[in-house]
Amino acid sequence: NFENTYGAVGKDFIHVHHIIPLHEIQQGYAVDP
């Protein structure tokens, strides 16, 4: 958790990974968050 580790500067910092790679998702596919 970046906020716990680095303080306020780390608040809400995180990457979000697509479990199914974007290049494999067909156009029109609705991503389930």
PDB file of all heavy atoms in Angstrom:
ATOM      1  N   ASN A   1       0.876  -1.161   0.000  1.00  0.00           N
ATOM      2  CA  ASN A   1       0.000   0.000   0.000  1.00  0.00           C
ATOM      3  C   ASN A   1       0.921   1.221   0.000  1.00  0.00           C
ATOM      4  O   ASN A   1       1.658   1.437   0.964  1.00  0.00           O
ATOM      5  CB  ASN A   1      -0.909  -0.010   1.231  1.00  0.00           C
ATOM      6  CG  ASN A   1      -1.830   1.181   1.273  1.00  0.00           C
ATOM      7  OD1 ASN A   1      -1.396   2.322   1.246  1.00  0.00           O
ATOM      8  ND2 ASN A   1      -3.122   0.908   1.333  1.00  0.00           N
ATOM      9  N   PHE A   2       0.905   1.979  -1.070  1.00  0.00           N
ATOM     10  CA  PHE A   2       1.835   3.094  -1.228  1.00  0.00           C
ATOM     11  C   PHE A   2       1.635   4.186  -0.183  1.00  0.00           C
ATOM     12  O   PHE A   2       2.595   4.791   0.272  1.00  0.00           O
ATOM     13  CB  PHE A   2       1.757   3.673  -2.648  1.00  0.00           C
ATOM     14  CG  PHE A   2       2.453   2.810  -3.654  1.00  0.00           C
ATOM     15  CD1 PHE A   2       1.782   1.774  -4.271  1.00  0.00           C
ATOM     16  CD2 PHE A   2       3.782   3.022  -3.964  1.00  0.00           C
ATOM     17  CE1 PHE A   2       2.433   0.960  -5.187  1.00  0.00           C
ATOM     18  CE2 PHE A   2       4.439   2.215  -4.882  1.00  0.00           C
ATOM     19  CZ  PHE A   2       3.761   1.178  -5.487  1.00  0.00           C
ATOM     20  N   GLU A   3       0.401   4.443   0.217  1.00  0.00           N
ATOM     21  CA  GLU A   3       0.163   5.468   1.229  1.00  0.00           C
ATOM     22  C   GLU A   3       0.754   5.035   2.569  1.00  0.00           C
ATOM     23  O   GLU A   3       1.387   5.832   3.261  1.00  0.00           O
ATOM     24  CB  GLU A   3      -1.328   5.755   1.379  1.00  0.00           C
ATOM     25  CG  GLU A   3      -1.609   6.883   2.352  1.00  0.00           C
ATOM     26  CD  GLU A   3      -3.079   7.256   2.441  1.00  0.00           C
ATOM     27  OE1 GLU A   3      -3.937   6.485   1.959  1.00  0.00           O
ATOM     28  OE2 GLU A   3      -3.365   8.322   3.004  1.00  0.00           O
ATOM     29  N   ASN A   4       0.584   3.767   2.935  1.00  0.00           N
ATOM     30  CA  ASN A   4       1.161   3.276   4.188  1.00  0.00           C
ATOM     31  C   ASN A   4       2.688   3.324   4.158  1.00  0.00           C
ATOM     32  O   ASN A   4       3.325   3.562   5.174  1.00  0.00           O
ATOM     33  CB  ASN A   4       0.713   1.840   4.470  1.00  0.00           C
ATOM     34  CG  ASN A   4      -0.765   1.742   4.785  1.00  0.00           C
ATOM     35  OD1 ASN A   4      -1.427   2.745   5.041  1.00  0.00           O
ATOM     36  ND2 ASN A   4      -1.289   0.534   4.742  1.00  0.00           N
ATOM     37  N   THR A   5       3.256   3.078   2.992  1.00  0.00           N
ATOM     38  CA  THR A   5       4.714   3.038   2.862  1.00  0.00           C
ATOM     39  C   THR A   5       5.330   4.418   2.696  1.00  0.00           C
ATOM     40  O   THR A   5       6.348   4.719   3.318  1.00  0.00           O
ATOM     41  CB  THR A   5       5.100   2.143   1.657  1.00  0.00           C
ATOM     42  OG1 THR A   5       4.533   0.842   1.857  1.00  0.00           O
ATOM     43  CG2 THR A   5       6.603   2.016   1.518  1.00  0.00           C
ATOM     44  N   TYR A   6       4.729   5.288   1.874  1.00  0.00           N
ATOM     45  CA  TYR A   6       5.343   6.569   1.514  1.00  0.00           C
ATOM     46  C   TYR A   6       4.605   7.788   2.054  1.00  0.00           C
ATOM     47  O   TYR A   6       5.018   8.914   1.793  1.00  0.00           O
ATOM     48  CB  TYR A   6       5.463   6.686  -0.008  1.00  0.00           C
ATOM     49  CG  TYR A   6       6.319   5.611  -0.612  1.00  0.00           C
ATOM     50  CD1 TYR A   6       5.756   4.545  -1.305  1.00  0.00           C
ATOM     51  CD2 TYR A   6       7.703   5.644  -0.470  1.00  0.00           C
ATOM     52  CE1 TYR A   6       6.551   3.547  -1.852  1.00  0.00           C
ATOM     53  CE2 TYR A   6       8.500   4.653  -1.013  1.00  0.00           C
ATOM     54  CZ  TYR A   6       7.914   3.608  -1.700  1.00  0.00           C
ATOM     55  OH  TYR A   6       8.701   2.623  -2.232  1.00  0.00           O
ATOM     56  N   GLY A   7       3.516   7.587   2.758  1.00  0.00           N
ATOM     57  CA  GLY A   7       2.754   8.712   3.276  1.00  0.00           C
ATOM     58  C   GLY A   7       1.784   9.269   2.248  1.00  0.00           C
ATOM     59  O   GLY A   7       1.419   8.600   1.273  1.00  0.00           O
ATOM     60  N   ALA A   8       1.384  10.510   2.449  1.00  0.00           N
ATOM     61  CA  ALA A   8       0.338  11.133   1.635  1.00  0.00           C
ATOM     62  C   ALA A   8       0.633  11.119   0.137  1.00  0.00           C
ATOM     63  O   ALA A   8      -0.279  10.996  -0.679  1.00  0.00           O
ATOM     64  CB  ALA A   8       0.109  12.573   2.102  1.00  0.00           C
ATOM     65  N   VAL A   9       1.893  11.222  -0.237  1.00  0.00           N
ATOM     66  CA  VAL A   9       2.242  11.227  -1.667  1.00  0.00           C
ATOM     67  C   VAL A   9       1.840   9.911  -2.349  1.00  0.00           C
ATOM     68  O   VAL A   9       1.591   9.873  -3.552  1.00  0.00           O
ATOM     69  CB  VAL A   9       3.751  11.529  -1.877  1.00  0.00           C
ATOM     70  CG1 VAL A   9       4.619  10.368  -1.453  1.00  0.00           C
ATOM     71  CG2 VAL A   9       4.030  11.925  -3.318  1.00  0.00           C
ATOM     72  N   GLY A  10       1.727   8.840  -1.583  1.00  0.00           N
ATOM     73  CA  GLY A  10       1.358   7.540  -2.140  1.00  0.00           C
ATOM     74  C   GLY A  10      -0.129   7.251  -2.148  1.00  0.00           C
ATOM     75  O   GLY A  10      -0.566   6.204  -2.629  1.00  0.00           O
ATOM     76  N   LYS A  11      -0.937   8.188  -1.645  1.00  0.00           N
ATOM     77  CA  LYS A  11      -2.391   7.967  -1.563  1.00  0.00           C
ATOM     78  C   LYS A  11      -2.979   7.675  -2.945  1.00  0.00           C
ATOM     79  O   LYS A  11      -2.741   8.405  -3.903  1.00  0.00           O
ATOM     80  CB  LYS A  11      -3.070   9.186  -0.954  1.00  0.00           C
ATOM     81  CG  LYS A  11      -4.574   9.012  -0.771  1.00  0.00           C
ATOM     82  CD  LYS A  11      -5.151  10.192  -0.022  1.00  0.00           C
ATOM     83  CE  LYS A  11      -6.648  10.177   0.101  1.00  0.00           C
ATOM     84  NZ  LYS A  11      -7.272   8.937   0.450  1.00  0.00           N
ATOM     85  N   ASP A  12      -3.718   6.585  -3.023  1.00  0.00           N
ATOM     86  CA  ASP A  12      -4.427   6.151  -4.242  1.00  0.00           C
ATOM     87  C   ASP A  12      -3.512   5.814  -5.413  1.00  0.00           C
ATOM     88  O   ASP A  12      -3.969   5.707  -6.551  1.00  0.00           O
ATOM     89  CB  ASP A  12      -5.465   7.192  -4.693  1.00  0.00           C
ATOM     90  CG  ASP A  12      -6.596   7.324  -3.699  1.00  0.00           C
ATOM     91  OD1 ASP A  12      -6.913   6.328  -3.015  1.00  0.00           O
ATOM     92  OD2 ASP A  12      -7.181   8.422  -3.604  1.00  0.00           O
ATOM     93  N   PHE A  13      -2.204   5.648  -5.159  1.00  0.00           N
ATOM     94  CA  PHE A  13      -1.311   5.243  -6.246  1.00  0.00           C
ATOM     95  C   PHE A  13      -1.317   3.728  -6.347  1.00  0.00           C
ATOM     96  O   PHE A  13      -1.051   3.016  -5.382  1.00  0.00           O
ATOM     97  CB  PHE A  13       0.120   5.729  -6.006  1.00  0.00           C
ATOM     98  CG  PHE A  13       1.040   5.321  -7.131  1.00  0.00           C
ATOM     99  CD1 PHE A  13       1.087   6.058  -8.299  1.00  0.00           C
ATOM    100  CD2 PHE A  13       1.820   4.182  -7.036  1.00  0.00           C
ATOM    101  CE1 PHE A  13       1.909   5.672  -9.352  1.00  0.00           C
ATOM    102  CE2 PHE A  13       2.644   3.787  -8.081  1.00  0.00           C
ATOM    103  CZ  PHE A  13       2.687   4.533  -9.236  1.00  0.00           C
ATOM    104  N   ILE A  14      -1.629   3.222  -7.514  1.00  0.00           N
ATOM    105  CA  ILE A  14      -1.620   1.775  -7.788  1.00  0.00           C
ATOM    106  C   ILE A  14      -1.824   1.606  -9.295  1.00  0.00           C
ATOM    107  O   ILE A  14      -2.436   2.452  -9.940  1.00  0.00           O
ATOM    108  CB  ILE A  14      -2.720   1.030  -6.988  1.00  0.00           C
ATOM    109  CG1 ILE A  14      -2.465  -0.476  -6.937  1.00  0.00           C
ATOM    110  CG2 ILE A  14      -4.108   1.323  -7.516  1.00  0.00           C
ATOM    111  CD1 ILE A  14      -1.412  -0.893  -5.950  1.00  0.00           C
ATOM    112  N   HIS A  15      -1.271   0.558  -9.853  1.00  0.00           N
ATOM    113  CA  HIS A  15      -1.574   0.200 -11.242  1.00  0.00           C
ATOM    114  C   HIS A  15      -2.816  -0.676 -11.236  1.00  0.00           C
ATOM    115  O   HIS A  15      -3.097  -1.348 -10.250  1.00  0.00           O
ATOM    116  CB  HIS A  15      -0.421  -0.587 -11.854  1.00  0.00           C
ATOM    117  CG  HIS A  15       0.779   0.234 -12.179  1.00  0.00           C
ATOM    118  ND1 HIS A  15       1.784  -0.227 -12.994  1.00  0.00           N
ATOM    119  CD2 HIS A  15       1.149   1.492 -11.821  1.00  0.00           C
ATOM    120  CE1 HIS A  15       2.713   0.697 -13.111  1.00  0.00           C
ATOM    121  NE2 HIS A  15       2.351   1.749 -12.403  1.00  0.00           N
ATOM    122  N   VAL A  16      -3.532  -0.687 -12.347  1.00  0.00           N
ATOM    123  CA  VAL A  16      -4.674  -1.579 -12.503  1.00  0.00           C
ATOM    124  C   VAL A  16      -4.393  -2.463 -13.706  1.00  0.00           C
ATOM    125  O   VAL A  16      -4.205  -1.975 -14.817  1.00  0.00           O
ATOM    126  CB  VAL A  16      -6.000  -0.801 -12.652  1.00  0.00           C
ATOM    127  CG1 VAL A  16      -7.150  -1.748 -12.956  1.00  0.00           C
ATOM    128  CG2 VAL A  16      -6.293  -0.014 -11.381  1.00  0.00           C
ATOM    129  N   HIS A  17      -4.334  -3.758 -13.455  1.00  0.00           N
ATOM    130  CA  HIS A  17      -3.975  -4.752 -14.467  1.00  0.00           C
ATOM    131  C   HIS A  17      -5.230  -5.369 -15.076  1.00  0.00           C
ATOM    132  O   HIS A  17      -6.165  -5.722 -14.358  1.00  0.00           O
ATOM    133  CB  HIS A  17      -3.131  -5.840 -13.795  1.00  0.00           C
ATOM    134  CG  HIS A  17      -2.790  -6.993 -14.683  1.00  0.00           C
ATOM    135  ND1 HIS A  17      -1.939  -6.879 -15.757  1.00  0.00           N
ATOM    136  CD2 HIS A  17      -3.192  -8.291 -14.650  1.00  0.00           C
ATOM    137  CE1 HIS A  17      -1.818  -8.067 -16.346  1.00  0.00           C
ATOM    138  NE2 HIS A  17      -2.565  -8.932 -15.690  1.00  0.00           N
ATOM    139  N   HIS A  18      -5.240  -5.475 -16.404  1.00  0.00           N
ATOM    140  CA  HIS A  18      -6.308  -6.187 -17.102  1.00  0.00           C
ATOM    141  C   HIS A  18      -5.975  -7.681 -17.076  1.00  0.00           C
ATOM    142  O   HIS A  18      -4.956  -8.092 -17.640  1.00  0.00           O
ATOM    143  CB  HIS A  18      -6.428  -5.727 -18.556  1.00  0.00           C
ATOM    144  CG  HIS A  18      -7.082  -4.405 -18.710  1.00  0.00           C
ATOM    145  ND1 HIS A  18      -6.438  -3.209 -18.464  1.00  0.00           N
ATOM    146  CD2 HIS A  18      -8.349  -4.084 -19.059  1.00  0.00           C
ATOM    147  CE1 HIS A  18      -7.268  -2.215 -18.680  1.00  0.00           C
ATOM    148  NE2 HIS A  18      -8.435  -2.716 -19.037  1.00  0.00           N
ATOM    149  N   ILE A  19      -6.788  -8.459 -16.411  1.00  0.00           N
ATOM    150  CA  ILE A  19      -6.541  -9.896 -16.300  1.00  0.00           C
ATOM    151  C   ILE A  19      -6.547 -10.532 -17.693  1.00  0.00           C
ATOM    152  O   ILE A  19      -5.701 -11.359 -18.004  1.00  0.00           O
ATOM    153  CB  ILE A  19      -7.570 -10.549 -15.347  1.00  0.00           C
ATOM    154  CG1 ILE A  19      -7.356  -9.980 -13.933  1.00  0.00           C
ATOM    155  CG2 ILE A  19      -7.434 -12.065 -15.360  1.00  0.00           C
ATOM    156  CD1 ILE A  19      -8.435 -10.316 -12.945  1.00  0.00           C
ATOM    157  N   ILE A  20      -7.490 -10.125 -18.521  1.00  0.00           N
ATOM    158  CA  ILE A  20      -7.479 -10.523 -19.934  1.00  0.00           C
ATOM    159  C   ILE A  20      -6.763  -9.390 -20.667  1.00  0.00           C
ATOM    160  O   ILE A  20      -7.228  -8.250 -20.631  1.00  0.00           O
ATOM    161  CB  ILE A  20      -8.900 -10.698 -20.505  1.00  0.00           C
ATOM    162  CG1 ILE A  20      -9.675 -11.763 -19.717  1.00  0.00           C
ATOM    163  CG2 ILE A  20      -8.856 -11.049 -21.992  1.00  0.00           C
ATOM    164  CD1 ILE A  20     -11.153 -11.810 -20.057  1.00  0.00           C
ATOM    165  N   PRO A  21      -5.624  -9.670 -21.314  1.00  0.00           N
ATOM    166  CA  PRO A  21      -4.880  -8.594 -21.989  1.00  0.00           C
ATOM    167  C   PRO A  21      -5.766  -7.814 -22.964  1.00  0.00           C
ATOM    168  O   PRO A  21      -6.600  -8.392 -23.662  1.00  0.00           O
ATOM    169  CB  PRO A  21      -3.768  -9.341 -22.730  1.00  0.00           C
ATOM    170  CG  PRO A  21      -3.601 -10.624 -21.980  1.00  0.00           C
ATOM    171  CD  PRO A  21      -4.977 -10.974 -21.474  1.00  0.00           C
ATOM    172  N   LEU A  22      -5.571  -6.500 -22.981  1.00  0.00           N
ATOM    173  CA  LEU A  22      -6.401  -5.642 -23.840  1.00  0.00           C
ATOM    174  C   LEU A  22      -6.375  -6.074 -25.299  1.00  0.00           C
ATOM    175  O   LEU A  22      -7.385  -5.987 -25.989  1.00  0.00           O
ATOM    176  CB  LEU A  22      -5.937  -4.193 -23.730  1.00  0.00           C
ATOM    177  CG  LEU A  22      -6.386  -3.434 -22.488  1.00  0.00           C
ATOM    178  CD1 LEU A  22      -5.788  -2.044 -22.484  1.00  0.00           C
ATOM    179  CD2 LEU A  22      -7.888  -3.369 -22.411  1.00  0.00           C
ATOM    180  N   HIS A  23      -5.228  -6.557 -25.764  1.00  0.00           N
ATOM    181  CA  HIS A  23      -5.149  -6.936 -27.173  1.00  0.00           C
ATOM    182  C   HIS A  23      -5.982  -8.193 -27.485  1.00  0.00           C
ATOM    183  O   HIS A  23      -6.239  -8.496 -28.638  1.00  0.00           O
ATOM    184  CB  HIS A  23      -3.697  -7.128 -27.614  1.00  0.00           C
ATOM    185  CG  HIS A  23      -3.026  -8.313 -27.015  1.00  0.00           C
ATOM    186  ND1 HIS A  23      -2.411  -8.257 -25.783  1.00  0.00           N
ATOM    187  CD2 HIS A  23      -2.869  -9.585 -27.461  1.00  0.00           C
ATOM    188  CE1 HIS A  23      -1.907  -9.452 -25.504  1.00  0.00           C
ATOM    189  NE2 HIS A  23      -2.175 -10.273 -26.500  1.00  0.00           N
ATOM    190  N   GLU A  24      -6.419  -8.908 -26.450  1.00  0.00           N
ATOM    191  CA  GLU A  24      -7.256 -10.099 -26.650  1.00  0.00           C
ATOM    192  C   GLU A  24      -8.749  -9.794 -26.526  1.00  0.00           C
ATOM    193  O   GLU A  24      -9.579 -10.629 -26.851  1.00  0.00           O
ATOM    194  CB  GLU A  24      -6.885 -11.180 -25.636  1.00  0.00           C
ATOM    195  CG  GLU A  24      -5.516 -11.768 -25.853  1.00  0.00           C
ATOM    196  CD  GLU A  24      -5.165 -12.843 -24.826  1.00  0.00           C
ATOM    197  OE1 GLU A  24      -6.064 -13.291 -24.085  1.00  0.00           O
ATOM    198  OE2 GLU A  24      -3.981 -13.224 -24.772  1.00  0.00           O
ATOM    199  N   ILE A  25      -9.077  -8.609 -26.028  1.00  0.00           N
ATOM    200  CA  ILE A  25     -10.483  -8.247 -25.837  1.00  0.00           C
ATOM    201  C   ILE A  25     -11.053  -7.731 -27.151  1.00  0.00           C
ATOM    202  O   ILE A  25     -10.458  -6.881 -27.804  1.00  0.00           O
ATOM    203  CB  ILE A  25     -10.617  -7.183 -24.721  1.00  0.00           C
ATOM    204  CG1 ILE A  25     -10.190  -7.785 -23.383  1.00  0.00           C
ATOM    205  CG2 ILE A  25     -12.039  -6.651 -24.646  1.00  0.00           C
ATOM    206  CD1 ILE A  25     -10.155  -6.790 -22.237  1.00  0.00           C
ATOM    207  N   GLN A  26     -12.198  -8.250 -27.508  1.00  0.00           N
ATOM    208  CA  GLN A  26     -12.851  -7.842 -28.749  1.00  0.00           C
ATOM    209  C   GLN A  26     -13.497  -6.471 -28.581  1.00  0.00           C
ATOM    210  O   GLN A  26     -13.920  -6.093 -27.492  1.00  0.00           O
ATOM    211  CB  GLN A  26     -13.932  -8.861 -29.137  1.00  0.00           C
ATOM    212  CG  GLN A  26     -13.405 -10.260 -29.385  1.00  0.00           C
ATOM    213  CD  GLN A  26     -12.417 -10.319 -30.535  1.00  0.00           C
ATOM    214  OE1 GLN A  26     -12.646  -9.738 -31.578  1.00  0.00           O
ATOM    215  NE2 GLN A  26     -11.317 -11.017 -30.333  1.00  0.00           N
ATOM    216  N   GLN A  27     -13.560  -5.734 -29.675  1.00  0.00           N
ATOM    217  CA  GLN A  27     -14.192  -4.418 -29.645  1.00  0.00           C
ATOM    218  C   GLN A  27     -15.639  -4.575 -29.183  1.00  0.00           C
ATOM    219  O   GLN A  27     -16.328  -5.517 -29.563  1.00  0.00           O
ATOM    220  CB  GLN A  27     -14.149  -3.795 -31.037  1.00  0.00           C
ATOM    221  CG  GLN A  27     -14.532  -2.342 -31.036  1.00  0.00           C
ATOM    222  CD  GLN A  27     -14.244  -1.681 -32.369  1.00  0.00           C
ATOM    223  OE1 GLN A  27     -13.717  -2.291 -33.281  1.00  0.00           O
ATOM    224  NE2 GLN A  27     -14.598  -0.424 -32.476  1.00  0.00           N
ATOM    225  N   GLY A  28     -16.075  -3.673 -28.343  1.00  0.00           N
ATOM    226  CA  GLY A  28     -17.445  -3.733 -27.847  1.00  0.00           C
ATOM    227  C   GLY A  28     -17.570  -4.504 -26.541  1.00  0.00           C
ATOM    228  O   GLY A  28     -18.638  -4.514 -25.931  1.00  0.00           O
ATOM    229  N   TYR A  29     -16.495  -5.173 -26.098  1.00  0.00           N
ATOM    230  CA  TYR A  29     -16.526  -5.919 -24.847  1.00  0.00           C
ATOM    231  C   TYR A  29     -16.609  -4.946 -23.684  1.00  0.00           C
ATOM    232  O   TYR A  29     -15.850  -3.979 -23.620  1.00  0.00           O
ATOM    233  CB  TYR A  29     -15.267  -6.780 -24.724  1.00  0.00           C
ATOM    234  CG  TYR A  29     -15.157  -7.545 -23.419  1.00  0.00           C
ATOM    235  CD1 TYR A  29     -15.817  -8.753 -23.264  1.00  0.00           C
ATOM    236  CD2 TYR A  29     -14.406  -7.067 -22.367  1.00  0.00           C
ATOM    237  CE1 TYR A  29     -15.723  -9.466 -22.084  1.00  0.00           C
ATOM    238  CE2 TYR A  29     -14.299  -7.771 -21.175  1.00  0.00           C
ATOM    239  CZ  TYR A  29     -14.971  -8.975 -21.043  1.00  0.00           C
ATOM    240  OH  TYR A  29     -14.876  -9.674 -19.874  1.00  0.00           O
ATOM    241  N   ALA A  30     -17.531  -5.180 -22.772  1.00  0.00           N
ATOM    242  CA  ALA A  30     -17.670  -4.326 -21.595  1.00  0.00           C
ATOM    243  C   ALA A  30     -16.825  -4.915 -20.470  1.00  0.00           C
ATOM    244  O   ALA A  30     -17.087  -6.025 -20.010  1.00  0.00           O
ATOM    245  CB  ALA A  30     -19.132  -4.231 -21.182  1.00  0.00           C
ATOM    246  N   VAL A  31     -15.822  -4.190 -20.041  1.00  0.00           N
ATOM    247  CA  VAL A  31     -14.921  -4.653 -18.990  1.00  0.00           C
ATOM    248  C   VAL A  31     -15.667  -4.657 -17.658  1.00  0.00           C
ATOM    249  O   VAL A  31     -16.307  -3.680 -17.285  1.00  0.00           O
ATOM    250  CB  VAL A  31     -13.667  -3.754 -18.903  1.00  0.00           C
ATOM    251  CG1 VAL A  31     -12.810  -4.106 -17.711  1.00  0.00           C
ATOM    252  CG2 VAL A  31     -12.857  -3.856 -20.178  1.00  0.00           C
ATOM    253  N   ASP A  32     -15.586  -5.770 -16.943  1.00  0.00           N
ATOM    254  CA  ASP A  32     -16.153  -5.881 -15.597  1.00  0.00           C
ATOM    255  C   ASP A  32     -15.058  -5.464 -14.621  1.00  0.00           C
ATOM    256  O   ASP A  32     -14.048  -6.154 -14.485  1.00  0.00           O
ATOM    257  CB  ASP A  32     -16.585  -7.326 -15.348  1.00  0.00           C
ATOM    258  CG  ASP A  32     -17.167  -7.552 -13.968  1.00  0.00           C
ATOM    259  OD1 ASP A  32     -16.774  -6.845 -13.007  1.00  0.00           O
ATOM    260  OD2 ASP A  32     -18.005  -8.450 -13.834  1.00  0.00           O
ATOM    261  N   PRO A  33     -15.240  -4.342 -13.916  1.00  0.00           N
ATOM    262  CA  PRO A  33     -14.174  -3.814 -13.063  1.00  0.00           C
ATOM    263  C   PRO A  33     -13.761  -4.743 -11.919  1.00  0.00           C
ATOM    264  O   PRO A  33     -12.647  -4.659 -11.426  1.00  0.00           O
ATOM    265  CB  PRO A  33     -14.749  -2.523 -12.497  1.00  0.00           C
ATOM    266  CG  PRO A  33     -16.007  -2.264 -13.224  1.00  0.00           C
ATOM    267  CD  PRO A  33     -16.404  -3.498 -13.929  1.00  0.00           C
TER     268      PRO A  33
END
